[in-house]
Amino acid sequence: MSKCMNIAIALNNKVIVPAYVMIRSLVMNNMANPIRLYVLHSELTTESCKLLQDAACYKVNNLCSNEPPVR
């Protein structure tokens, strides 16, 4: 298995759509590499968190197995 790629992003609800696109693209274009994604925020809505989780879980096996999905 490849080393896990660590990615951290800081955002708020104003940039949720571009963040979704970035995460989905990252996952789709790195299928062979596990990804550990950290989302730094203080004001995301539950709906926004679910949207980011959907983007990250495009291929659940691409997430590092010892880390929970984005919440």
C-alpha atoms as a PDB file:
ATOM      1  CA  MET A   1       0.000   0.000   0.000  1.00  0.00           C
ATOM      2  CA  SER A   2       1.197   3.531  -0.756  1.00  0.00           C
ATOM      3  CA  LYS A   3       1.833   6.020   1.987  1.00  0.00           C
ATOM      4  CA  CYS A   4      -1.239   7.949   2.972  1.00  0.00           C
ATOM      5  CA  MET A   5      -1.536  11.468   1.551  1.00  0.00           C
ATOM      6  CA  ASN A   6      -2.422  13.980   4.283  1.00  0.00           C
ATOM      7  CA  ILE A   7      -4.555  16.909   3.108  1.00  0.00           C
ATOM      8  CA  ALA A   8      -5.843  19.726   5.323  1.00  0.00           C
ATOM      9  CA  ILE A   9      -8.294  22.397   4.208  1.00  0.00           C
ATOM     10  CA  ALA A  10      -9.753  25.341   6.103  1.00  0.00           C
ATOM     11  CA  LEU A  11     -13.097  26.663   4.945  1.00  0.00           C
ATOM     12  CA  ASN A  12     -16.504  28.085   5.729  1.00  0.00           C
ATOM     13  CA  ASN A  13     -19.921  27.789   4.083  1.00  0.00           C
ATOM     14  CA  LYS A  14     -19.071  30.466   1.512  1.00  0.00           C
ATOM     15  CA  VAL A  15     -16.637  28.140  -0.290  1.00  0.00           C
ATOM     16  CA  ILE A  16     -18.399  24.813   0.163  1.00  0.00           C
ATOM     17  CA  VAL A  17     -19.034  24.191  -3.558  1.00  0.00           C
ATOM     18  CA  PRO A  18     -15.411  24.828  -4.639  1.00  0.00           C
ATOM     19  CA  ALA A  19     -14.265  22.661  -1.695  1.00  0.00           C
ATOM     20  CA  TYR A  20     -16.600  19.869  -2.845  1.00  0.00           C
ATOM     21  CA  VAL A  21     -15.150  20.036  -6.363  1.00  0.00           C
ATOM     22  CA  MET A  22     -11.573  20.045  -5.032  1.00  0.00           C
ATOM     23  CA  ILE A  23     -12.164  17.045  -2.760  1.00  0.00           C
ATOM     24  CA  ARG A  24     -14.013  15.036  -5.413  1.00  0.00           C
ATOM     25  CA  SER A  25     -11.275  15.772  -7.955  1.00  0.00           C
ATOM     26  CA  LEU A  26      -8.561  14.834  -5.464  1.00  0.00           C
ATOM     27  CA  VAL A  27     -10.235  11.496  -4.698  1.00  0.00           C
ATOM     28  CA  MET A  28     -11.053  10.676  -8.340  1.00  0.00           C
ATOM     29  CA  ASN A  29      -7.524  11.466  -9.551  1.00  0.00           C
ATOM     30  CA  ASN A  30      -5.740   9.590  -6.757  1.00  0.00           C
ATOM     31  CA  MET A  31      -7.551   6.264  -6.702  1.00  0.00           C
ATOM     32  CA  ALA A  32      -4.332   4.321  -6.088  1.00  0.00           C
ATOM     33  CA  ASN A  33      -3.285   6.414  -3.096  1.00  0.00           C
ATOM     34  CA  PRO A  34      -5.031   6.482   0.280  1.00  0.00           C
ATOM     35  CA  ILE A  35      -6.011   9.966   1.458  1.00  0.00           C
ATOM     36  CA  ARG A  36      -6.414  11.322   4.988  1.00  0.00           C
ATOM     37  CA  LEU A  37      -8.475  14.514   4.797  1.00  0.00           C
ATOM     38  CA  TYR A  38      -8.671  17.050   7.633  1.00  0.00           C
ATOM     39  CA  VAL A  39     -11.350  19.754   7.428  1.00  0.00           C
ATOM     40  CA  LEU A  40     -10.751  22.771   9.663  1.00  0.00           C
ATOM     41  CA  HIS A  41     -13.886  24.817  10.271  1.00  0.00           C
ATOM     42  CA  SER A  42     -15.933  26.569  12.895  1.00  0.00           C
ATOM     43  CA  GLU A  43     -19.230  27.229  11.164  1.00  0.00           C
ATOM     44  CA  LEU A  44     -20.145  24.506   8.672  1.00  0.00           C
ATOM     45  CA  THR A  45     -23.754  23.401   8.635  1.00  0.00           C
ATOM     46  CA  THR A  46     -24.687  19.739   8.948  1.00  0.00           C
ATOM     47  CA  GLU A  47     -25.722  19.831   5.295  1.00  0.00           C
ATOM     48  CA  SER A  48     -22.309  21.198   4.261  1.00  0.00           C
ATOM     49  CA  CYS A  49     -20.506  18.518   6.269  1.00  0.00           C
ATOM     50  CA  LYS A  50     -22.571  15.812   4.572  1.00  0.00           C
ATOM     51  CA  LEU A  51     -21.779  17.304   1.161  1.00  0.00           C
ATOM     52  CA  LEU A  52     -18.042  17.162   1.888  1.00  0.00           C
ATOM     53  CA  GLN A  53     -18.372  13.619   3.188  1.00  0.00           C
ATOM     54  CA  ASP A  54     -20.109  12.610  -0.050  1.00  0.00           C
ATOM     55  CA  ALA A  55     -17.236  14.121  -2.053  1.00  0.00           C
ATOM     56  CA  ALA A  56     -14.616  12.333   0.043  1.00  0.00           C
ATOM     57  CA  CYS A  57     -16.417   8.999  -0.012  1.00  0.00           C
ATOM     58  CA  TYR A  58     -16.540   8.743  -3.801  1.00  0.00           C
ATOM     59  CA  LYS A  59     -14.422   5.656  -3.275  1.00  0.00           C
ATOM     60  CA  VAL A  60     -14.547   4.778   0.427  1.00  0.00           C
ATOM     61  CA  ASN A  61     -11.581   2.408   0.157  1.00  0.00           C
ATOM     62  CA  ASN A  62      -9.460   5.378  -0.883  1.00  0.00           C
ATOM     63  CA  LEU A  63      -9.734   6.820   2.623  1.00  0.00           C
ATOM     64  CA  CYS A  64      -7.111   5.705   5.142  1.00  0.00           C
ATOM     65  CA  SER A  65      -8.559   2.767   7.013  1.00  0.00           C
ATOM     66  CA  ASN A  66      -7.565   4.017  10.462  1.00  0.00           C
ATOM     67  CA  GLU A  67      -9.352   7.352  10.079  1.00  0.00           C
ATOM     68  CA  PRO A  68     -13.092   8.056  10.093  1.00  0.00           C
ATOM     69  CA  PRO A  69     -14.647   9.788   7.078  1.00  0.00           C
ATOM     70  CA  VAL A  70     -14.990  13.557   7.012  1.00  0.00           C
ATOM     71  CA  ARG A  71     -17.624  14.759   9.480  1.00  0.00           C
END
